[in-house]
């Protein structure tokens, strides 16, 4: 009995969950990292403001906005560059739809037509 009293208390046996003991306290229970107020966004993260700016630039400048995006984002991260191009193209599409609706509202017509051997033509009539 004296030997049992002098023995240090033993930890209860638990299953090994594969975690590194050095990482204890670095994560909360749901597997997500703890809140880090001063964390900088990753390279692939962009704000909603930048997305809105790319769409607005596409609507207002049309095809010229792609040239601007290619020059501004040529040396950036590939994911950010792809998002910039995608949202600029969406803005160009929205701008084209708005232009067609405006032409039709002014009693004109807008369309495209093609015949074999002659090529394609974009037509816009206002009268």
N, C-alpha and C. Protein backbone atom coordinates (compact mmCIF):
# COMPACT_ATOMS: atom_id res chain seq x y z
N UNK A 1 0.79 -1.18 0.00
CA UNK A 1 0.00 0.00 0.00
C UNK A 1 0.85 1.26 0.00
N UNK A 2 1.96 1.22 0.65
CA UNK A 2 2.83 2.38 0.69
C UNK A 2 3.36 2.69 -0.70
N UNK A 3 3.58 1.64 -1.47
CA UNK A 3 4.06 1.85 -2.83
C UNK A 3 3.00 2.53 -3.69
N UNK A 4 1.74 2.23 -3.51
CA UNK A 4 0.67 2.83 -4.29
C UNK A 4 0.52 4.31 -3.98
N UNK A 5 0.77 4.71 -2.72
CA UNK A 5 0.65 6.11 -2.35
C UNK A 5 1.77 6.95 -2.93
N UNK A 6 2.96 6.38 -3.09
CA UNK A 6 4.11 7.13 -3.59
C UNK A 6 4.14 7.23 -5.12
N UNK A 7 3.31 6.46 -5.79
CA UNK A 7 3.28 6.49 -7.25
C UNK A 7 2.59 7.75 -7.75
N UNK A 8 3.15 8.41 -8.81
CA UNK A 8 2.45 9.59 -9.34
C UNK A 8 1.13 9.19 -9.98
N UNK A 9 0.16 10.11 -9.98
CA UNK A 9 -1.13 9.76 -10.57
C UNK A 9 -0.97 9.52 -12.07
N UNK A 10 -1.66 8.53 -12.56
CA UNK A 10 -1.59 8.20 -13.98
C UNK A 10 -2.74 8.89 -14.72
N UNK A 11 -2.41 9.29 -15.93
CA UNK A 11 -3.43 9.90 -16.78
C UNK A 11 -4.35 8.80 -17.29
N UNK A 12 -5.63 9.12 -17.43
CA UNK A 12 -6.53 8.10 -18.00
C UNK A 12 -6.17 7.86 -19.47
N UNK A 13 -6.29 6.63 -19.87
CA UNK A 13 -5.95 6.27 -21.24
C UNK A 13 -7.04 6.79 -22.18
N UNK A 14 -6.61 7.53 -23.20
CA UNK A 14 -7.55 8.06 -24.20
C UNK A 14 -7.09 7.58 -25.57
N UNK A 15 -8.01 7.62 -26.49
CA UNK A 15 -7.65 7.25 -27.85
C UNK A 15 -6.79 8.33 -28.48
N UNK A 16 -5.85 7.94 -29.29
CA UNK A 16 -5.01 8.90 -30.00
C UNK A 16 -5.79 9.41 -31.20
N UNK A 17 -6.09 10.71 -31.23
CA UNK A 17 -6.86 11.27 -32.33
C UNK A 17 -5.98 11.83 -33.43
N UNK A 18 -4.68 11.63 -33.38
CA UNK A 18 -3.80 12.06 -34.44
C UNK A 18 -3.37 13.50 -34.35
N UNK A 19 -3.75 14.21 -33.30
CA UNK A 19 -3.37 15.61 -33.17
C UNK A 19 -1.97 15.72 -32.57
N UNK A 20 -1.31 16.73 -32.95
CA UNK A 20 0.01 17.01 -32.40
C UNK A 20 -0.17 17.71 -31.06
N UNK A 21 0.44 17.21 -29.98
CA UNK A 21 0.26 17.87 -28.68
C UNK A 21 0.76 19.31 -28.67
N UNK A 22 1.68 19.66 -29.58
CA UNK A 22 2.18 21.04 -29.63
C UNK A 22 1.11 21.99 -30.14
N UNK A 23 0.11 21.46 -30.85
CA UNK A 23 -0.97 22.29 -31.38
C UNK A 23 -2.11 22.48 -30.41
N UNK A 24 -1.98 22.00 -29.20
CA UNK A 24 -3.08 22.09 -28.24
C UNK A 24 -3.45 23.54 -28.00
N UNK A 25 -4.73 23.84 -28.06
CA UNK A 25 -5.21 25.20 -27.82
C UNK A 25 -5.21 26.07 -29.06
N UNK A 26 -4.78 25.57 -30.20
CA UNK A 26 -4.73 26.37 -31.41
C UNK A 26 -6.03 26.32 -32.20
N UNK A 27 -6.89 25.36 -31.90
CA UNK A 27 -8.13 25.21 -32.65
C UNK A 27 -9.28 25.04 -31.68
N UNK A 28 -10.45 25.48 -32.11
CA UNK A 28 -11.62 25.20 -31.30
C UNK A 28 -12.22 23.88 -31.76
N UNK A 29 -13.32 23.49 -31.18
CA UNK A 29 -13.85 22.15 -31.37
C UNK A 29 -14.36 21.83 -32.75
N UNK A 30 -14.73 22.80 -33.55
CA UNK A 30 -15.35 22.49 -34.84
C UNK A 30 -14.34 22.34 -35.97
N UNK A 31 -13.06 22.35 -35.68
CA UNK A 31 -12.06 22.15 -36.71
C UNK A 31 -11.62 23.43 -37.40
N UNK A 32 -12.28 24.53 -37.12
CA UNK A 32 -11.90 25.81 -37.72
C UNK A 32 -10.86 26.48 -36.83
N UNK A 33 -10.08 27.35 -37.42
CA UNK A 33 -9.09 28.08 -36.64
C UNK A 33 -9.77 29.10 -35.73
N UNK A 34 -9.05 29.53 -34.72
CA UNK A 34 -9.57 30.54 -33.82
C UNK A 34 -9.66 31.88 -34.52
N UNK A 35 -10.44 32.78 -33.96
CA UNK A 35 -10.60 34.12 -34.53
C UNK A 35 -9.28 34.86 -34.44
N UNK A 36 -8.84 35.41 -35.53
CA UNK A 36 -7.60 36.16 -35.59
C UNK A 36 -7.90 37.55 -36.13
N UNK A 37 -8.01 38.56 -35.26
CA UNK A 37 -8.45 39.88 -35.72
C UNK A 37 -7.47 40.58 -36.65
N UNK A 38 -6.20 40.26 -36.58
CA UNK A 38 -5.21 40.96 -37.41
C UNK A 38 -4.75 40.14 -38.61
N UNK A 39 -5.50 39.10 -38.94
CA UNK A 39 -5.11 38.23 -40.05
C UNK A 39 -5.33 38.94 -41.37
N UNK A 40 -4.33 38.91 -42.22
CA UNK A 40 -4.47 39.47 -43.56
C UNK A 40 -5.16 38.46 -44.44
N UNK A 41 -5.97 38.89 -45.40
CA UNK A 41 -6.64 37.93 -46.28
C UNK A 41 -5.64 37.19 -47.15
N UNK A 42 -6.01 35.98 -47.52
CA UNK A 42 -5.16 35.19 -48.41
C UNK A 42 -5.05 35.87 -49.76
N UNK A 43 -4.10 35.39 -50.56
CA UNK A 43 -3.87 36.01 -51.86
C UNK A 43 -5.08 35.85 -52.78
N UNK A 44 -5.84 34.77 -52.63
CA UNK A 44 -6.97 34.53 -53.52
C UNK A 44 -8.26 35.19 -53.08
N UNK A 45 -8.27 35.82 -51.91
CA UNK A 45 -9.49 36.45 -51.42
C UNK A 45 -9.60 37.88 -51.94
N UNK A 46 -10.77 38.22 -52.44
CA UNK A 46 -11.02 39.58 -52.89
C UNK A 46 -12.28 40.09 -52.21
N UNK A 47 -12.36 41.39 -52.02
CA UNK A 47 -13.51 41.97 -51.34
C UNK A 47 -14.68 42.14 -52.31
N UNK A 48 -15.84 42.32 -51.73
CA UNK A 48 -17.03 42.56 -52.56
C UNK A 48 -16.93 43.89 -53.28
N UNK A 49 -16.22 44.84 -52.68
CA UNK A 49 -16.03 46.13 -53.33
C UNK A 49 -15.24 46.02 -54.62
N UNK A 50 -14.21 45.17 -54.62
CA UNK A 50 -13.43 44.97 -55.84
C UNK A 50 -14.26 44.27 -56.91
N UNK A 51 -15.07 43.32 -56.50
CA UNK A 51 -15.94 42.63 -57.46
C UNK A 51 -16.91 43.63 -58.09
N UNK A 52 -17.50 44.50 -57.26
CA UNK A 52 -18.42 45.51 -57.79
C UNK A 52 -17.69 46.47 -58.72
N UNK A 53 -16.45 46.80 -58.40
CA UNK A 53 -15.68 47.71 -59.26
C UNK A 53 -15.39 47.07 -60.61
N UNK A 54 -15.07 45.77 -60.63
CA UNK A 54 -14.80 45.10 -61.90
C UNK A 54 -16.05 45.05 -62.76
N UNK A 55 -17.21 44.73 -62.15
CA UNK A 55 -18.46 44.68 -62.90
C UNK A 55 -18.81 46.07 -63.44
N UNK A 56 -18.69 47.10 -62.59
CA UNK A 56 -19.00 48.46 -63.03
C UNK A 56 -18.07 48.91 -64.15
N UNK A 57 -16.79 48.55 -64.05
CA UNK A 57 -15.85 48.91 -65.10
C UNK A 57 -16.23 48.22 -66.42
N UNK A 58 -16.67 46.95 -66.33
CA UNK A 58 -17.11 46.25 -67.53
C UNK A 58 -18.34 46.87 -68.16
N UNK A 59 -19.30 47.30 -67.32
CA UNK A 59 -20.52 47.93 -67.83
C UNK A 59 -20.20 49.27 -68.49
N UNK A 60 -19.39 50.06 -67.83
CA UNK A 60 -19.15 51.43 -68.30
C UNK A 60 -18.14 51.52 -69.44
N UNK A 61 -17.09 50.70 -69.41
CA UNK A 61 -16.04 50.82 -70.42
C UNK A 61 -16.11 49.76 -71.51
N UNK A 62 -16.91 48.75 -71.31
CA UNK A 62 -17.05 47.71 -72.33
C UNK A 62 -15.77 46.93 -72.53
N UNK A 63 -15.45 46.66 -73.78
CA UNK A 63 -14.31 45.81 -74.12
C UNK A 63 -12.98 46.43 -73.68
N UNK A 64 -12.94 47.74 -73.53
CA UNK A 64 -11.71 48.40 -73.10
C UNK A 64 -11.35 48.06 -71.66
N UNK A 65 -12.34 47.66 -70.87
CA UNK A 65 -12.06 47.28 -69.49
C UNK A 65 -11.19 46.03 -69.42
N UNK A 66 -11.31 45.14 -70.41
CA UNK A 66 -10.45 43.94 -70.42
C UNK A 66 -8.99 44.32 -70.58
N UNK A 67 -8.72 45.30 -71.42
CA UNK A 67 -7.33 45.76 -71.61
C UNK A 67 -6.79 46.30 -70.29
N UNK A 68 -7.60 47.08 -69.59
CA UNK A 68 -7.17 47.63 -68.32
C UNK A 68 -6.91 46.52 -67.30
N UNK A 69 -7.81 45.53 -67.24
CA UNK A 69 -7.64 44.42 -66.30
C UNK A 69 -6.37 43.63 -66.63
N UNK A 70 -6.11 43.38 -67.91
CA UNK A 70 -4.90 42.64 -68.28
C UNK A 70 -3.65 43.38 -67.85
N UNK A 71 -3.62 44.70 -68.00
CA UNK A 71 -2.43 45.46 -67.59
C UNK A 71 -2.31 45.55 -66.07
N UNK A 72 -3.42 45.80 -65.38
CA UNK A 72 -3.36 45.97 -63.93
C UNK A 72 -3.05 44.67 -63.19
N UNK A 73 -3.54 43.55 -63.70
CA UNK A 73 -3.41 42.29 -62.97
C UNK A 73 -2.46 41.30 -63.64
N UNK A 74 -1.54 41.78 -64.47
CA UNK A 74 -0.64 40.88 -65.17
C UNK A 74 0.34 40.19 -64.22
N UNK A 75 0.74 40.85 -63.14
CA UNK A 75 1.71 40.26 -62.23
C UNK A 75 1.10 39.83 -60.91
N UNK A 76 -0.20 39.75 -60.83
CA UNK A 76 -0.88 39.34 -59.59
C UNK A 76 -1.05 37.83 -59.56
N UNK A 77 -1.62 37.37 -58.47
CA UNK A 77 -1.92 35.97 -58.29
C UNK A 77 -2.90 35.51 -59.38
N UNK A 78 -2.73 34.30 -59.86
CA UNK A 78 -3.57 33.80 -60.96
C UNK A 78 -5.04 33.73 -60.57
N UNK A 79 -5.34 33.39 -59.32
CA UNK A 79 -6.74 33.30 -58.89
C UNK A 79 -7.40 34.68 -58.90
N UNK A 80 -6.69 35.70 -58.45
CA UNK A 80 -7.24 37.05 -58.43
C UNK A 80 -7.41 37.56 -59.86
N UNK A 81 -6.44 37.27 -60.73
CA UNK A 81 -6.53 37.70 -62.12
C UNK A 81 -7.72 37.04 -62.81
N UNK A 82 -7.94 35.75 -62.53
CA UNK A 82 -9.07 35.04 -63.14
C UNK A 82 -10.40 35.62 -62.67
N UNK A 83 -10.48 35.96 -61.37
CA UNK A 83 -11.71 36.57 -60.87
C UNK A 83 -11.94 37.94 -61.49
N UNK A 84 -10.87 38.72 -61.64
CA UNK A 84 -11.01 40.05 -62.25
C UNK A 84 -11.52 39.93 -63.68
N UNK A 85 -10.97 39.00 -64.43
CA UNK A 85 -11.40 38.83 -65.83
C UNK A 85 -12.84 38.33 -65.88
N UNK A 86 -13.18 37.37 -65.00
CA UNK A 86 -14.54 36.81 -65.01
C UNK A 86 -15.58 37.89 -64.71
N UNK A 87 -15.36 38.68 -63.66
CA UNK A 87 -16.35 39.69 -63.29
C UNK A 87 -16.37 40.85 -64.28
N UNK A 88 -15.25 41.14 -64.93
CA UNK A 88 -15.25 42.16 -65.97
C UNK A 88 -16.06 41.69 -67.18
N UNK A 89 -15.92 40.42 -67.54
CA UNK A 89 -16.73 39.87 -68.63
C UNK A 89 -18.21 39.88 -68.28
N UNK A 90 -18.53 39.60 -67.03
CA UNK A 90 -19.93 39.68 -66.61
C UNK A 90 -20.45 41.12 -66.76
N UNK A 91 -19.63 42.09 -66.40
CA UNK A 91 -20.01 43.49 -66.56
C UNK A 91 -20.21 43.86 -68.01
N UNK A 92 -19.35 43.36 -68.90
CA UNK A 92 -19.50 43.63 -70.34
C UNK A 92 -20.81 43.04 -70.84
N UNK A 93 -21.13 41.83 -70.40
CA UNK A 93 -22.40 41.21 -70.79
C UNK A 93 -23.60 41.99 -70.30
N UNK A 94 -23.55 42.43 -69.07
CA UNK A 94 -24.65 43.24 -68.52
C UNK A 94 -24.78 44.55 -69.30
N UNK A 95 -23.63 45.17 -69.64
CA UNK A 95 -23.65 46.41 -70.42
C UNK A 95 -24.27 46.21 -71.79
N UNK A 96 -23.94 45.09 -72.45
CA UNK A 96 -24.53 44.82 -73.77
C UNK A 96 -26.04 44.62 -73.67
N UNK A 97 -26.47 43.91 -72.65
CA UNK A 97 -27.90 43.70 -72.47
C UNK A 97 -28.61 45.03 -72.23
N UNK A 98 -28.01 45.88 -71.41
CA UNK A 98 -28.62 47.20 -71.16
C UNK A 98 -28.66 48.06 -72.42
N UNK A 99 -27.61 47.99 -73.24
CA UNK A 99 -27.60 48.76 -74.49
C UNK A 99 -28.68 48.27 -75.44
N UNK A 100 -28.86 46.97 -75.56
CA UNK A 100 -29.91 46.43 -76.43
C UNK A 100 -31.29 46.84 -75.92
N UNK A 101 -31.49 46.77 -74.60
CA UNK A 101 -32.77 47.18 -74.04
C UNK A 101 -33.02 48.67 -74.28
N UNK A 102 -31.99 49.49 -74.17
CA UNK A 102 -32.14 50.92 -74.41
C UNK A 102 -32.48 51.20 -75.88
N UNK A 103 -31.83 50.50 -76.80
CA UNK A 103 -32.14 50.68 -78.22
C UNK A 103 -33.58 50.27 -78.53
N UNK A 104 -34.03 49.17 -77.93
CA UNK A 104 -35.40 48.74 -78.18
C UNK A 104 -36.40 49.70 -77.54
N UNK A 105 -36.03 50.28 -76.42
CA UNK A 105 -36.91 51.26 -75.77
C UNK A 105 -37.07 52.50 -76.63
N UNK A 106 -36.02 52.86 -77.38
CA UNK A 106 -36.08 54.03 -78.27
C UNK A 106 -36.67 53.66 -79.63
N UNK A 107 -37.41 52.57 -79.69
CA UNK A 107 -38.08 52.09 -80.90
C UNK A 107 -37.11 51.65 -81.99
N UNK A 108 -35.96 51.31 -81.63
CA UNK A 108 -35.00 50.79 -82.60
C UNK A 108 -34.92 49.28 -82.48
N UNK A 109 -33.95 48.73 -83.12
CA UNK A 109 -33.75 47.29 -83.06
C UNK A 109 -32.25 47.04 -83.07
N UNK A 110 -31.87 45.99 -82.42
CA UNK A 110 -30.46 45.60 -82.41
C UNK A 110 -30.41 44.10 -82.62
N UNK A 111 -29.46 43.68 -83.40
CA UNK A 111 -29.34 42.25 -83.64
C UNK A 111 -28.10 41.93 -84.44
N UNK A 112 -27.93 40.67 -84.69
CA UNK A 112 -26.80 40.21 -85.48
C UNK A 112 -27.32 39.18 -86.47
N UNK A 113 -26.73 39.16 -87.61
CA UNK A 113 -27.14 38.20 -88.62
C UNK A 113 -25.93 37.72 -89.40
N UNK A 114 -26.06 36.55 -89.97
CA UNK A 114 -24.95 36.00 -90.76
C UNK A 114 -25.52 35.16 -91.89
N UNK A 115 -24.89 35.25 -93.04
CA UNK A 115 -25.23 34.39 -94.16
C UNK A 115 -23.97 33.65 -94.57
N UNK A 116 -24.16 32.47 -95.07
CA UNK A 116 -23.01 31.65 -95.44
C UNK A 116 -22.20 32.32 -96.53
N UNK A 117 -20.93 32.48 -96.30
CA UNK A 117 -20.04 33.06 -97.29
C UNK A 117 -19.90 34.56 -97.21
N UNK A 118 -20.84 35.26 -96.56
CA UNK A 118 -20.77 36.72 -96.48
C UNK A 118 -20.23 37.22 -95.14
N UNK A 119 -20.19 36.38 -94.13
CA UNK A 119 -19.73 36.80 -92.81
C UNK A 119 -20.89 37.27 -91.95
N UNK A 120 -20.57 37.83 -90.82
CA UNK A 120 -21.59 38.27 -89.87
C UNK A 120 -21.64 39.79 -89.84
N UNK A 121 -22.80 40.31 -89.42
CA UNK A 121 -22.96 41.76 -89.33
C UNK A 121 -23.76 42.09 -88.09
N UNK A 122 -23.37 43.16 -87.41
CA UNK A 122 -24.10 43.68 -86.25
C UNK A 122 -24.95 44.82 -86.76
N UNK A 123 -26.23 44.78 -86.50
CA UNK A 123 -27.12 45.83 -87.00
C UNK A 123 -27.74 46.58 -85.85
N UNK A 124 -27.93 47.87 -86.06
CA UNK A 124 -28.57 48.71 -85.06
C UNK A 124 -29.34 49.79 -85.81
N UNK A 125 -30.67 49.78 -85.67
CA UNK A 125 -31.48 50.80 -86.33
C UNK A 125 -32.24 51.57 -85.28
N UNK A 126 -32.38 52.85 -85.48
CA UNK A 126 -33.11 53.67 -84.52
C UNK A 126 -34.32 54.32 -85.17
N UNK A 127 -34.50 54.20 -86.46
CA UNK A 127 -35.62 54.85 -87.13
C UNK A 127 -36.42 53.85 -87.92
